[in-house]
Amino acid sequence: KIYSFLENTEVFISIGTSNNVYPAA
């Protein structure tokens, strides 16, 4: 579901995360 939404994402907002831990990174 997440990657399906990402395919059409136009604005990406990251809050309170290092973006170092996968798969979220």
PDBML (XML) file of the C-alpha atoms, coordinates in Angstrom:
<?xml version="1.0" encoding="UTF-8" ?>
<PDBx:datablock datablockName="MODEL"
   xmlns:PDBx="http://pdbml.pdb.org/schema/pdbx-v50.xsd"
   xmlns:xsi="http://www.w3.org/2001/XMLSchema-instance"
   xsi:schemaLocation="http://pdbml.pdb.org/schema/pdbx-v50.xsd pdbx-v50.xsd">
   <PDBx:atom_siteCategory>
      <PDBx:atom_site id="1">
         <PDBx:B_iso_or_equiv>0.00</PDBx:B_iso_or_equiv>
         <PDBx:Cartn_x>0.000</PDBx:Cartn_x>
         <PDBx:Cartn_y>0.000</PDBx:Cartn_y>
         <PDBx:Cartn_z>0.000</PDBx:Cartn_z>
         <PDBx:auth_asym_id>A</PDBx:auth_asym_id>
         <PDBx:auth_atom_id>CA</PDBx:auth_atom_id>
         <PDBx:auth_comp_id>LYS</PDBx:auth_comp_id>
         <PDBx:auth_seq_id>1</PDBx:auth_seq_id>
         <PDBx:group_PDB>ATOM</PDBx:group_PDB>
         <PDBx:label_alt_id xsi:nil="true" />
         <PDBx:label_asym_id>A</PDBx:label_asym_id>
         <PDBx:label_atom_id>CA</PDBx:label_atom_id>
         <PDBx:label_comp_id>LYS</PDBx:label_comp_id>
         <PDBx:label_entity_id>1</PDBx:label_entity_id>
         <PDBx:label_seq_id>1</PDBx:label_seq_id>
         <PDBx:occupancy>1.00</PDBx:occupancy>
         <PDBx:pdbx_PDB_model_num>1</PDBx:pdbx_PDB_model_num>
         <PDBx:type_symbol>C</PDBx:type_symbol>
      </PDBx:atom_site>
      <PDBx:atom_site id="2">
         <PDBx:B_iso_or_equiv>0.00</PDBx:B_iso_or_equiv>
         <PDBx:Cartn_x>2.831</PDBx:Cartn_x>
         <PDBx:Cartn_y>2.371</PDBx:Cartn_y>
         <PDBx:Cartn_z>0.863</PDBx:Cartn_z>
         <PDBx:auth_asym_id>A</PDBx:auth_asym_id>
         <PDBx:auth_atom_id>CA</PDBx:auth_atom_id>
         <PDBx:auth_comp_id>ILE</PDBx:auth_comp_id>
         <PDBx:auth_seq_id>2</PDBx:auth_seq_id>
         <PDBx:group_PDB>ATOM</PDBx:group_PDB>
         <PDBx:label_alt_id xsi:nil="true" />
         <PDBx:label_asym_id>A</PDBx:label_asym_id>
         <PDBx:label_atom_id>CA</PDBx:label_atom_id>
         <PDBx:label_comp_id>ILE</PDBx:label_comp_id>
         <PDBx:label_entity_id>1</PDBx:label_entity_id>
         <PDBx:label_seq_id>2</PDBx:label_seq_id>
         <PDBx:occupancy>1.00</PDBx:occupancy>
         <PDBx:pdbx_PDB_model_num>1</PDBx:pdbx_PDB_model_num>
         <PDBx:type_symbol>C</PDBx:type_symbol>
      </PDBx:atom_site>
      <PDBx:atom_site id="3">
         <PDBx:B_iso_or_equiv>0.00</PDBx:B_iso_or_equiv>
         <PDBx:Cartn_x>4.699</PDBx:Cartn_x>
         <PDBx:Cartn_y>1.942</PDBx:Cartn_y>
         <PDBx:Cartn_z>-2.418</PDBx:Cartn_z>
         <PDBx:auth_asym_id>A</PDBx:auth_asym_id>
         <PDBx:auth_atom_id>CA</PDBx:auth_atom_id>
         <PDBx:auth_comp_id>TYR</PDBx:auth_comp_id>
         <PDBx:auth_seq_id>3</PDBx:auth_seq_id>
         <PDBx:group_PDB>ATOM</PDBx:group_PDB>
         <PDBx:label_alt_id xsi:nil="true" />
         <PDBx:label_asym_id>A</PDBx:label_asym_id>
         <PDBx:label_atom_id>CA</PDBx:label_atom_id>
         <PDBx:label_comp_id>TYR</PDBx:label_comp_id>
         <PDBx:label_entity_id>1</PDBx:label_entity_id>
         <PDBx:label_seq_id>3</PDBx:label_seq_id>
         <PDBx:occupancy>1.00</PDBx:occupancy>
         <PDBx:pdbx_PDB_model_num>1</PDBx:pdbx_PDB_model_num>
         <PDBx:type_symbol>C</PDBx:type_symbol>
      </PDBx:atom_site>
      <PDBx:atom_site id="4">
         <PDBx:B_iso_or_equiv>0.00</PDBx:B_iso_or_equiv>
         <PDBx:Cartn_x>1.460</PDBx:Cartn_x>
         <PDBx:Cartn_y>2.105</PDBx:Cartn_y>
         <PDBx:Cartn_z>-4.361</PDBx:Cartn_z>
         <PDBx:auth_asym_id>A</PDBx:auth_asym_id>
         <PDBx:auth_atom_id>CA</PDBx:auth_atom_id>
         <PDBx:auth_comp_id>SER</PDBx:auth_comp_id>
         <PDBx:auth_seq_id>4</PDBx:auth_seq_id>
         <PDBx:group_PDB>ATOM</PDBx:group_PDB>
         <PDBx:label_alt_id xsi:nil="true" />
         <PDBx:label_asym_id>A</PDBx:label_asym_id>
         <PDBx:label_atom_id>CA</PDBx:label_atom_id>
         <PDBx:label_comp_id>SER</PDBx:label_comp_id>
         <PDBx:label_entity_id>1</PDBx:label_entity_id>
         <PDBx:label_seq_id>4</PDBx:label_seq_id>
         <PDBx:occupancy>1.00</PDBx:occupancy>
         <PDBx:pdbx_PDB_model_num>1</PDBx:pdbx_PDB_model_num>
         <PDBx:type_symbol>C</PDBx:type_symbol>
      </PDBx:atom_site>
      <PDBx:atom_site id="5">
         <PDBx:B_iso_or_equiv>0.00</PDBx:B_iso_or_equiv>
         <PDBx:Cartn_x>0.813</PDBx:Cartn_x>
         <PDBx:Cartn_y>5.537</PDBx:Cartn_y>
         <PDBx:Cartn_z>-2.836</PDBx:Cartn_z>
         <PDBx:auth_asym_id>A</PDBx:auth_asym_id>
         <PDBx:auth_atom_id>CA</PDBx:auth_atom_id>
         <PDBx:auth_comp_id>PHE</PDBx:auth_comp_id>
         <PDBx:auth_seq_id>5</PDBx:auth_seq_id>
         <PDBx:group_PDB>ATOM</PDBx:group_PDB>
         <PDBx:label_alt_id xsi:nil="true" />
         <PDBx:label_asym_id>A</PDBx:label_asym_id>
         <PDBx:label_atom_id>CA</PDBx:label_atom_id>
         <PDBx:label_comp_id>PHE</PDBx:label_comp_id>
         <PDBx:label_entity_id>1</PDBx:label_entity_id>
         <PDBx:label_seq_id>5</PDBx:label_seq_id>
         <PDBx:occupancy>1.00</PDBx:occupancy>
         <PDBx:pdbx_PDB_model_num>1</PDBx:pdbx_PDB_model_num>
         <PDBx:type_symbol>C</PDBx:type_symbol>
      </PDBx:atom_site>
      <PDBx:atom_site id="6">
         <PDBx:B_iso_or_equiv>0.00</PDBx:B_iso_or_equiv>
         <PDBx:Cartn_x>4.423</PDBx:Cartn_x>
         <PDBx:Cartn_y>6.619</PDBx:Cartn_y>
         <PDBx:Cartn_z>-3.340</PDBx:Cartn_z>
         <PDBx:auth_asym_id>A</PDBx:auth_asym_id>
         <PDBx:auth_atom_id>CA</PDBx:auth_atom_id>
         <PDBx:auth_comp_id>LEU</PDBx:auth_comp_id>
         <PDBx:auth_seq_id>6</PDBx:auth_seq_id>
         <PDBx:group_PDB>ATOM</PDBx:group_PDB>
         <PDBx:label_alt_id xsi:nil="true" />
         <PDBx:label_asym_id>A</PDBx:label_asym_id>
         <PDBx:label_atom_id>CA</PDBx:label_atom_id>
         <PDBx:label_comp_id>LEU</PDBx:label_comp_id>
         <PDBx:label_entity_id>1</PDBx:label_entity_id>
         <PDBx:label_seq_id>6</PDBx:label_seq_id>
         <PDBx:occupancy>1.00</PDBx:occupancy>
         <PDBx:pdbx_PDB_model_num>1</PDBx:pdbx_PDB_model_num>
         <PDBx:type_symbol>C</PDBx:type_symbol>
      </PDBx:atom_site>
      <PDBx:atom_site id="7">
         <PDBx:B_iso_or_equiv>0.00</PDBx:B_iso_or_equiv>
         <PDBx:Cartn_x>4.045</PDBx:Cartn_x>
         <PDBx:Cartn_y>6.059</PDBx:Cartn_y>
         <PDBx:Cartn_z>-7.086</PDBx:Cartn_z>
         <PDBx:auth_asym_id>A</PDBx:auth_asym_id>
         <PDBx:auth_atom_id>CA</PDBx:auth_atom_id>
         <PDBx:auth_comp_id>GLU</PDBx:auth_comp_id>
         <PDBx:auth_seq_id>7</PDBx:auth_seq_id>
         <PDBx:group_PDB>ATOM</PDBx:group_PDB>
         <PDBx:label_alt_id xsi:nil="true" />
         <PDBx:label_asym_id>A</PDBx:label_asym_id>
         <PDBx:label_atom_id>CA</PDBx:label_atom_id>
         <PDBx:label_comp_id>GLU</PDBx:label_comp_id>
         <PDBx:label_entity_id>1</PDBx:label_entity_id>
         <PDBx:label_seq_id>7</PDBx:label_seq_id>
         <PDBx:occupancy>1.00</PDBx:occupancy>
         <PDBx:pdbx_PDB_model_num>1</PDBx:pdbx_PDB_model_num>
         <PDBx:type_symbol>C</PDBx:type_symbol>
      </PDBx:atom_site>
      <PDBx:atom_site id="8">
         <PDBx:B_iso_or_equiv>0.00</PDBx:B_iso_or_equiv>
         <PDBx:Cartn_x>1.641</PDBx:Cartn_x>
         <PDBx:Cartn_y>9.006</PDBx:Cartn_y>
         <PDBx:Cartn_z>-7.199</PDBx:Cartn_z>
         <PDBx:auth_asym_id>A</PDBx:auth_asym_id>
         <PDBx:auth_atom_id>CA</PDBx:auth_atom_id>
         <PDBx:auth_comp_id>ASN</PDBx:auth_comp_id>
         <PDBx:auth_seq_id>8</PDBx:auth_seq_id>
         <PDBx:group_PDB>ATOM</PDBx:group_PDB>
         <PDBx:label_alt_id xsi:nil="true" />
         <PDBx:label_asym_id>A</PDBx:label_asym_id>
         <PDBx:label_atom_id>CA</PDBx:label_atom_id>
         <PDBx:label_comp_id>ASN</PDBx:label_comp_id>
         <PDBx:label_entity_id>1</PDBx:label_entity_id>
         <PDBx:label_seq_id>8</PDBx:label_seq_id>
         <PDBx:occupancy>1.00</PDBx:occupancy>
         <PDBx:pdbx_PDB_model_num>1</PDBx:pdbx_PDB_model_num>
         <PDBx:type_symbol>C</PDBx:type_symbol>
      </PDBx:atom_site>
      <PDBx:atom_site id="9">
         <PDBx:B_iso_or_equiv>0.00</PDBx:B_iso_or_equiv>
         <PDBx:Cartn_x>3.156</PDBx:Cartn_x>
         <PDBx:Cartn_y>11.116</PDBx:Cartn_y>
         <PDBx:Cartn_z>-4.423</PDBx:Cartn_z>
         <PDBx:auth_asym_id>A</PDBx:auth_asym_id>
         <PDBx:auth_atom_id>CA</PDBx:auth_atom_id>
         <PDBx:auth_comp_id>THR</PDBx:auth_comp_id>
         <PDBx:auth_seq_id>9</PDBx:auth_seq_id>
         <PDBx:group_PDB>ATOM</PDBx:group_PDB>
         <PDBx:label_alt_id xsi:nil="true" />
         <PDBx:label_asym_id>A</PDBx:label_asym_id>
         <PDBx:label_atom_id>CA</PDBx:label_atom_id>
         <PDBx:label_comp_id>THR</PDBx:label_comp_id>
         <PDBx:label_entity_id>1</PDBx:label_entity_id>
         <PDBx:label_seq_id>9</PDBx:label_seq_id>
         <PDBx:occupancy>1.00</PDBx:occupancy>
         <PDBx:pdbx_PDB_model_num>1</PDBx:pdbx_PDB_model_num>
         <PDBx:type_symbol>C</PDBx:type_symbol>
      </PDBx:atom_site>
      <PDBx:atom_site id="10">
         <PDBx:B_iso_or_equiv>0.00</PDBx:B_iso_or_equiv>
         <PDBx:Cartn_x>3.778</PDBx:Cartn_x>
         <PDBx:Cartn_y>14.772</PDBx:Cartn_y>
         <PDBx:Cartn_z>-5.232</PDBx:Cartn_z>
         <PDBx:auth_asym_id>A</PDBx:auth_asym_id>
         <PDBx:auth_atom_id>CA</PDBx:auth_atom_id>
         <PDBx:auth_comp_id>GLU</PDBx:auth_comp_id>
         <PDBx:auth_seq_id>10</PDBx:auth_seq_id>
         <PDBx:group_PDB>ATOM</PDBx:group_PDB>
         <PDBx:label_alt_id xsi:nil="true" />
         <PDBx:label_asym_id>A</PDBx:label_asym_id>
         <PDBx:label_atom_id>CA</PDBx:label_atom_id>
         <PDBx:label_comp_id>GLU</PDBx:label_comp_id>
         <PDBx:label_entity_id>1</PDBx:label_entity_id>
         <PDBx:label_seq_id>10</PDBx:label_seq_id>
         <PDBx:occupancy>1.00</PDBx:occupancy>
         <PDBx:pdbx_PDB_model_num>1</PDBx:pdbx_PDB_model_num>
         <PDBx:type_symbol>C</PDBx:type_symbol>
      </PDBx:atom_site>
      <PDBx:atom_site id="11">
         <PDBx:B_iso_or_equiv>0.00</PDBx:B_iso_or_equiv>
         <PDBx:Cartn_x>4.792</PDBx:Cartn_x>
         <PDBx:Cartn_y>16.014</PDBx:Cartn_y>
         <PDBx:Cartn_z>-1.763</PDBx:Cartn_z>
         <PDBx:auth_asym_id>A</PDBx:auth_asym_id>
         <PDBx:auth_atom_id>CA</PDBx:auth_atom_id>
         <PDBx:auth_comp_id>VAL</PDBx:auth_comp_id>
         <PDBx:auth_seq_id>11</PDBx:auth_seq_id>
         <PDBx:group_PDB>ATOM</PDBx:group_PDB>
         <PDBx:label_alt_id xsi:nil="true" />
         <PDBx:label_asym_id>A</PDBx:label_asym_id>
         <PDBx:label_atom_id>CA</PDBx:label_atom_id>
         <PDBx:label_comp_id>VAL</PDBx:label_comp_id>
         <PDBx:label_entity_id>1</PDBx:label_entity_id>
         <PDBx:label_seq_id>11</PDBx:label_seq_id>
         <PDBx:occupancy>1.00</PDBx:occupancy>
         <PDBx:pdbx_PDB_model_num>1</PDBx:pdbx_PDB_model_num>
         <PDBx:type_symbol>C</PDBx:type_symbol>
      </PDBx:atom_site>
      <PDBx:atom_site id="12">
         <PDBx:B_iso_or_equiv>0.00</PDBx:B_iso_or_equiv>
         <PDBx:Cartn_x>6.965</PDBx:Cartn_x>
         <PDBx:Cartn_y>13.997</PDBx:Cartn_y>
         <PDBx:Cartn_z>0.637</PDBx:Cartn_z>
         <PDBx:auth_asym_id>A</PDBx:auth_asym_id>
         <PDBx:auth_atom_id>CA</PDBx:auth_atom_id>
         <PDBx:auth_comp_id>PHE</PDBx:auth_comp_id>
         <PDBx:auth_seq_id>12</PDBx:auth_seq_id>
         <PDBx:group_PDB>ATOM</PDBx:group_PDB>
         <PDBx:label_alt_id xsi:nil="true" />
         <PDBx:label_asym_id>A</PDBx:label_asym_id>
         <PDBx:label_atom_id>CA</PDBx:label_atom_id>
         <PDBx:label_comp_id>PHE</PDBx:label_comp_id>
         <PDBx:label_entity_id>1</PDBx:label_entity_id>
         <PDBx:label_seq_id>12</PDBx:label_seq_id>
         <PDBx:occupancy>1.00</PDBx:occupancy>
         <PDBx:pdbx_PDB_model_num>1</PDBx:pdbx_PDB_model_num>
         <PDBx:type_symbol>C</PDBx:type_symbol>
      </PDBx:atom_site>
      <PDBx:atom_site id="13">
         <PDBx:B_iso_or_equiv>0.00</PDBx:B_iso_or_equiv>
         <PDBx:Cartn_x>7.226</PDBx:Cartn_x>
         <PDBx:Cartn_y>15.198</PDBx:Cartn_y>
         <PDBx:Cartn_z>4.234</PDBx:Cartn_z>
         <PDBx:auth_asym_id>A</PDBx:auth_asym_id>
         <PDBx:auth_atom_id>CA</PDBx:auth_atom_id>
         <PDBx:auth_comp_id>ILE</PDBx:auth_comp_id>
         <PDBx:auth_seq_id>13</PDBx:auth_seq_id>
         <PDBx:group_PDB>ATOM</PDBx:group_PDB>
         <PDBx:label_alt_id xsi:nil="true" />
         <PDBx:label_asym_id>A</PDBx:label_asym_id>
         <PDBx:label_atom_id>CA</PDBx:label_atom_id>
         <PDBx:label_comp_id>ILE</PDBx:label_comp_id>
         <PDBx:label_entity_id>1</PDBx:label_entity_id>
         <PDBx:label_seq_id>13</PDBx:label_seq_id>
         <PDBx:occupancy>1.00</PDBx:occupancy>
         <PDBx:pdbx_PDB_model_num>1</PDBx:pdbx_PDB_model_num>
         <PDBx:type_symbol>C</PDBx:type_symbol>
      </PDBx:atom_site>
      <PDBx:atom_site id="14">
         <PDBx:B_iso_or_equiv>0.00</PDBx:B_iso_or_equiv>
         <PDBx:Cartn_x>9.580</PDBx:Cartn_x>
         <PDBx:Cartn_y>13.509</PDBx:Cartn_y>
         <PDBx:Cartn_z>6.705</PDBx:Cartn_z>
         <PDBx:auth_asym_id>A</PDBx:auth_asym_id>
         <PDBx:auth_atom_id>CA</PDBx:auth_atom_id>
         <PDBx:auth_comp_id>SER</PDBx:auth_comp_id>
         <PDBx:auth_seq_id>14</PDBx:auth_seq_id>
         <PDBx:group_PDB>ATOM</PDBx:group_PDB>
         <PDBx:label_alt_id xsi:nil="true" />
         <PDBx:label_asym_id>A</PDBx:label_asym_id>
         <PDBx:label_atom_id>CA</PDBx:label_atom_id>
         <PDBx:label_comp_id>SER</PDBx:label_comp_id>
         <PDBx:label_entity_id>1</PDBx:label_entity_id>
         <PDBx:label_seq_id>14</PDBx:label_seq_id>
         <PDBx:occupancy>1.00</PDBx:occupancy>
         <PDBx:pdbx_PDB_model_num>1</PDBx:pdbx_PDB_model_num>
         <PDBx:type_symbol>C</PDBx:type_symbol>
      </PDBx:atom_site>
      <PDBx:atom_site id="15">
         <PDBx:B_iso_or_equiv>0.00</PDBx:B_iso_or_equiv>
         <PDBx:Cartn_x>9.166</PDBx:Cartn_x>
         <PDBx:Cartn_y>14.308</PDBx:Cartn_y>
         <PDBx:Cartn_z>10.421</PDBx:Cartn_z>
         <PDBx:auth_asym_id>A</PDBx:auth_asym_id>
         <PDBx:auth_atom_id>CA</PDBx:auth_atom_id>
         <PDBx:auth_comp_id>ILE</PDBx:auth_comp_id>
         <PDBx:auth_seq_id>15</PDBx:auth_seq_id>
         <PDBx:group_PDB>ATOM</PDBx:group_PDB>
         <PDBx:label_alt_id xsi:nil="true" />
         <PDBx:label_asym_id>A</PDBx:label_asym_id>
         <PDBx:label_atom_id>CA</PDBx:label_atom_id>
         <PDBx:label_comp_id>ILE</PDBx:label_comp_id>
         <PDBx:label_entity_id>1</PDBx:label_entity_id>
         <PDBx:label_seq_id>15</PDBx:label_seq_id>
         <PDBx:occupancy>1.00</PDBx:occupancy>
         <PDBx:pdbx_PDB_model_num>1</PDBx:pdbx_PDB_model_num>
         <PDBx:type_symbol>C</PDBx:type_symbol>
      </PDBx:atom_site>
      <PDBx:atom_site id="16">
         <PDBx:B_iso_or_equiv>0.00</PDBx:B_iso_or_equiv>
         <PDBx:Cartn_x>11.223</PDBx:Cartn_x>
         <PDBx:Cartn_y>13.147</PDBx:Cartn_y>
         <PDBx:Cartn_z>13.387</PDBx:Cartn_z>
         <PDBx:auth_asym_id>A</PDBx:auth_asym_id>
         <PDBx:auth_atom_id>CA</PDBx:auth_atom_id>
         <PDBx:auth_comp_id>GLY</PDBx:auth_comp_id>
         <PDBx:auth_seq_id>16</PDBx:auth_seq_id>
         <PDBx:group_PDB>ATOM</PDBx:group_PDB>
         <PDBx:label_alt_id xsi:nil="true" />
         <PDBx:label_asym_id>A</PDBx:label_asym_id>
         <PDBx:label_atom_id>CA</PDBx:label_atom_id>
         <PDBx:label_comp_id>GLY</PDBx:label_comp_id>
         <PDBx:label_entity_id>1</PDBx:label_entity_id>
         <PDBx:label_seq_id>16</PDBx:label_seq_id>
         <PDBx:occupancy>1.00</PDBx:occupancy>
         <PDBx:pdbx_PDB_model_num>1</PDBx:pdbx_PDB_model_num>
         <PDBx:type_symbol>C</PDBx:type_symbol>
      </PDBx:atom_site>
      <PDBx:atom_site id="17">
         <PDBx:B_iso_or_equiv>0.00</PDBx:B_iso_or_equiv>
         <PDBx:Cartn_x>13.092</PDBx:Cartn_x>
         <PDBx:Cartn_y>10.369</PDBx:Cartn_y>
         <PDBx:Cartn_z>11.617</PDBx:Cartn_z>
         <PDBx:auth_asym_id>A</PDBx:auth_asym_id>
         <PDBx:auth_atom_id>CA</PDBx:auth_atom_id>
         <PDBx:auth_comp_id>THR</PDBx:auth_comp_id>
         <PDBx:auth_seq_id>17</PDBx:auth_seq_id>
         <PDBx:group_PDB>ATOM</PDBx:group_PDB>
         <PDBx:label_alt_id xsi:nil="true" />
         <PDBx:label_asym_id>A</PDBx:label_asym_id>
         <PDBx:label_atom_id>CA</PDBx:label_atom_id>
         <PDBx:label_comp_id>THR</PDBx:label_comp_id>
         <PDBx:label_entity_id>1</PDBx:label_entity_id>
         <PDBx:label_seq_id>17</PDBx:label_seq_id>
         <PDBx:occupancy>1.00</PDBx:occupancy>
         <PDBx:pdbx_PDB_model_num>1</PDBx:pdbx_PDB_model_num>
         <PDBx:type_symbol>C</PDBx:type_symbol>
      </PDBx:atom_site>
      <PDBx:atom_site id="18">
         <PDBx:B_iso_or_equiv>0.00</PDBx:B_iso_or_equiv>
         <PDBx:Cartn_x>16.714</PDBx:Cartn_x>
         <PDBx:Cartn_y>9.959</PDBx:Cartn_y>
         <PDBx:Cartn_z>10.579</PDBx:Cartn_z>
         <PDBx:auth_asym_id>A</PDBx:auth_asym_id>
         <PDBx:auth_atom_id>CA</PDBx:auth_atom_id>
         <PDBx:auth_comp_id>SER</PDBx:auth_comp_id>
         <PDBx:auth_seq_id>18</PDBx:auth_seq_id>
         <PDBx:group_PDB>ATOM</PDBx:group_PDB>
         <PDBx:label_alt_id xsi:nil="true" />
         <PDBx:label_asym_id>A</PDBx:label_asym_id>
         <PDBx:label_atom_id>CA</PDBx:label_atom_id>
         <PDBx:label_comp_id>SER</PDBx:label_comp_id>
         <PDBx:label_entity_id>1</PDBx:label_entity_id>
         <PDBx:label_seq_id>18</PDBx:label_seq_id>
         <PDBx:occupancy>1.00</PDBx:occupancy>
         <PDBx:pdbx_PDB_model_num>1</PDBx:pdbx_PDB_model_num>
         <PDBx:type_symbol>C</PDBx:type_symbol>
      </PDBx:atom_site>
      <PDBx:atom_site id="19">
         <PDBx:B_iso_or_equiv>0.00</PDBx:B_iso_or_equiv>
         <PDBx:Cartn_x>15.828</PDBx:Cartn_x>
         <PDBx:Cartn_y>8.248</PDBx:Cartn_y>
         <PDBx:Cartn_z>7.264</PDBx:Cartn_z>
         <PDBx:auth_asym_id>A</PDBx:auth_asym_id>
         <PDBx:auth_atom_id>CA</PDBx:auth_atom_id>
         <PDBx:auth_comp_id>ASN</PDBx:auth_comp_id>
         <PDBx:auth_seq_id>19</PDBx:auth_seq_id>
         <PDBx:group_PDB>ATOM</PDBx:group_PDB>
         <PDBx:label_alt_id xsi:nil="true" />
         <PDBx:label_asym_id>A</PDBx:label_asym_id>
         <PDBx:label_atom_id>CA</PDBx:label_atom_id>
         <PDBx:label_comp_id>ASN</PDBx:label_comp_id>
         <PDBx:label_entity_id>1</PDBx:label_entity_id>
         <PDBx:label_seq_id>19</PDBx:label_seq_id>
         <PDBx:occupancy>1.00</PDBx:occupancy>
         <PDBx:pdbx_PDB_model_num>1</PDBx:pdbx_PDB_model_num>
         <PDBx:type_symbol>C</PDBx:type_symbol>
      </PDBx:atom_site>
      <PDBx:atom_site id="20">
         <PDBx:B_iso_or_equiv>0.00</PDBx:B_iso_or_equiv>
         <PDBx:Cartn_x>18.669</PDBx:Cartn_x>
         <PDBx:Cartn_y>5.827</PDBx:Cartn_y>
         <PDBx:Cartn_z>8.008</PDBx:Cartn_z>
         <PDBx:auth_asym_id>A</PDBx:auth_asym_id>
         <PDBx:auth_atom_id>CA</PDBx:auth_atom_id>
         <PDBx:auth_comp_id>ASN</PDBx:auth_comp_id>
         <PDBx:auth_seq_id>20</PDBx:auth_seq_id>
         <PDBx:group_PDB>ATOM</PDBx:group_PDB>
         <PDBx:label_alt_id xsi:nil="true" />
         <PDBx:label_asym_id>A</PDBx:label_asym_id>
         <PDBx:label_atom_id>CA</PDBx:label_atom_id>
         <PDBx:label_comp_id>ASN</PDBx:label_comp_id>
         <PDBx:label_entity_id>1</PDBx:label_entity_id>
         <PDBx:label_seq_id>20</PDBx:label_seq_id>
         <PDBx:occupancy>1.00</PDBx:occupancy>
         <PDBx:pdbx_PDB_model_num>1</PDBx:pdbx_PDB_model_num>
         <PDBx:type_symbol>C</PDBx:type_symbol>
      </PDBx:atom_site>
      <PDBx:atom_site id="21">
         <PDBx:B_iso_or_equiv>0.00</PDBx:B_iso_or_equiv>
         <PDBx:Cartn_x>16.676</PDBx:Cartn_x>
         <PDBx:Cartn_y>2.689</PDBx:Cartn_y>
         <PDBx:Cartn_z>8.860</PDBx:Cartn_z>
         <PDBx:auth_asym_id>A</PDBx:auth_asym_id>
         <PDBx:auth_atom_id>CA</PDBx:auth_atom_id>
         <PDBx:auth_comp_id>VAL</PDBx:auth_comp_id>
         <PDBx:auth_seq_id>21</PDBx:auth_seq_id>
         <PDBx:group_PDB>ATOM</PDBx:group_PDB>
         <PDBx:label_alt_id xsi:nil="true" />
         <PDBx:label_asym_id>A</PDBx:label_asym_id>
         <PDBx:label_atom_id>CA</PDBx:label_atom_id>
         <PDBx:label_comp_id>VAL</PDBx:label_comp_id>
         <PDBx:label_entity_id>1</PDBx:label_entity_id>
         <PDBx:label_seq_id>21</PDBx:label_seq_id>
         <PDBx:occupancy>1.00</PDBx:occupancy>
         <PDBx:pdbx_PDB_model_num>1</PDBx:pdbx_PDB_model_num>
         <PDBx:type_symbol>C</PDBx:type_symbol>
      </PDBx:atom_site>
      <PDBx:atom_site id="22">
         <PDBx:B_iso_or_equiv>0.00</PDBx:B_iso_or_equiv>
         <PDBx:Cartn_x>15.272</PDBx:Cartn_x>
         <PDBx:Cartn_y>0.635</PDBx:Cartn_y>
         <PDBx:Cartn_z>6.004</PDBx:Cartn_z>
         <PDBx:auth_asym_id>A</PDBx:auth_asym_id>
         <PDBx:auth_atom_id>CA</PDBx:auth_atom_id>
         <PDBx:auth_comp_id>TYR</PDBx:auth_comp_id>
         <PDBx:auth_seq_id>22</PDBx:auth_seq_id>
         <PDBx:group_PDB>ATOM</PDBx:group_PDB>
         <PDBx:label_alt_id xsi:nil="true" />
         <PDBx:label_asym_id>A</PDBx:label_asym_id>
         <PDBx:label_atom_id>CA</PDBx:label_atom_id>
         <PDBx:label_comp_id>TYR</PDBx:label_comp_id>
         <PDBx:label_entity_id>1</PDBx:label_entity_id>
         <PDBx:label_seq_id>22</PDBx:label_seq_id>
         <PDBx:occupancy>1.00</PDBx:occupancy>
         <PDBx:pdbx_PDB_model_num>1</PDBx:pdbx_PDB_model_num>
         <PDBx:type_symbol>C</PDBx:type_symbol>
      </PDBx:atom_site>
      <PDBx:atom_site id="23">
         <PDBx:B_iso_or_equiv>0.00</PDBx:B_iso_or_equiv>
         <PDBx:Cartn_x>12.804</PDBx:Cartn_x>
         <PDBx:Cartn_y>0.113</PDBx:Cartn_y>
         <PDBx:Cartn_z>4.480</PDBx:Cartn_z>
         <PDBx:auth_asym_id>A</PDBx:auth_asym_id>
         <PDBx:auth_atom_id>CA</PDBx:auth_atom_id>
         <PDBx:auth_comp_id>PRO</PDBx:auth_comp_id>
         <PDBx:auth_seq_id>23</PDBx:auth_seq_id>
         <PDBx:group_PDB>ATOM</PDBx:group_PDB>
         <PDBx:label_alt_id xsi:nil="true" />
         <PDBx:label_asym_id>A</PDBx:label_asym_id>
         <PDBx:label_atom_id>CA</PDBx:label_atom_id>
         <PDBx:label_comp_id>PRO</PDBx:label_comp_id>
         <PDBx:label_entity_id>1</PDBx:label_entity_id>
         <PDBx:label_seq_id>23</PDBx:label_seq_id>
         <PDBx:occupancy>1.00</PDBx:occupancy>
         <PDBx:pdbx_PDB_model_num>1</PDBx:pdbx_PDB_model_num>
         <PDBx:type_symbol>C</PDBx:type_symbol>
      </PDBx:atom_site>
      <PDBx:atom_site id="24">
         <PDBx:B_iso_or_equiv>0.00</PDBx:B_iso_or_equiv>
         <PDBx:Cartn_x>11.521</PDBx:Cartn_x>
         <PDBx:Cartn_y>3.579</PDBx:Cartn_y>
         <PDBx:Cartn_z>5.453</PDBx:Cartn_z>
         <PDBx:auth_asym_id>A</PDBx:auth_asym_id>
         <PDBx:auth_atom_id>CA</PDBx:auth_atom_id>
         <PDBx:auth_comp_id>ALA</PDBx:auth_comp_id>
         <PDBx:auth_seq_id>24</PDBx:auth_seq_id>
         <PDBx:group_PDB>ATOM</PDBx:group_PDB>
         <PDBx:label_alt_id xsi:nil="true" />
         <PDBx:label_asym_id>A</PDBx:label_asym_id>
         <PDBx:label_atom_id>CA</PDBx:label_atom_id>
         <PDBx:label_comp_id>ALA</PDBx:label_comp_id>
         <PDBx:label_entity_id>1</PDBx:label_entity_id>
         <PDBx:label_seq_id>24</PDBx:label_seq_id>
         <PDBx:occupancy>1.00</PDBx:occupancy>
         <PDBx:pdbx_PDB_model_num>1</PDBx:pdbx_PDB_model_num>
         <PDBx:type_symbol>C</PDBx:type_symbol>
      </PDBx:atom_site>
      <PDBx:atom_site id="25">
         <PDBx:B_iso_or_equiv>0.00</PDBx:B_iso_or_equiv>
         <PDBx:Cartn_x>14.898</PDBx:Cartn_x>
         <PDBx:Cartn_y>5.062</PDBx:Cartn_y>
         <PDBx:Cartn_z>4.528</PDBx:Cartn_z>
         <PDBx:auth_asym_id>A</PDBx:auth_asym_id>
         <PDBx:auth_atom_id>CA</PDBx:auth_atom_id>
         <PDBx:auth_comp_id>ALA</PDBx:auth_comp_id>
         <PDBx:auth_seq_id>25</PDBx:auth_seq_id>
         <PDBx:group_PDB>ATOM</PDBx:group_PDB>
         <PDBx:label_alt_id xsi:nil="true" />
         <PDBx:label_asym_id>A</PDBx:label_asym_id>
         <PDBx:label_atom_id>CA</PDBx:label_atom_id>
         <PDBx:label_comp_id>ALA</PDBx:label_comp_id>
         <PDBx:label_entity_id>1</PDBx:label_entity_id>
         <PDBx:label_seq_id>25</PDBx:label_seq_id>
         <PDBx:occupancy>1.00</PDBx:occupancy>
         <PDBx:pdbx_PDB_model_num>1</PDBx:pdbx_PDB_model_num>
         <PDBx:type_symbol>C</PDBx:type_symbol>
      </PDBx:atom_site>
   </PDBx:atom_siteCategory>
</PDBx:datablock>
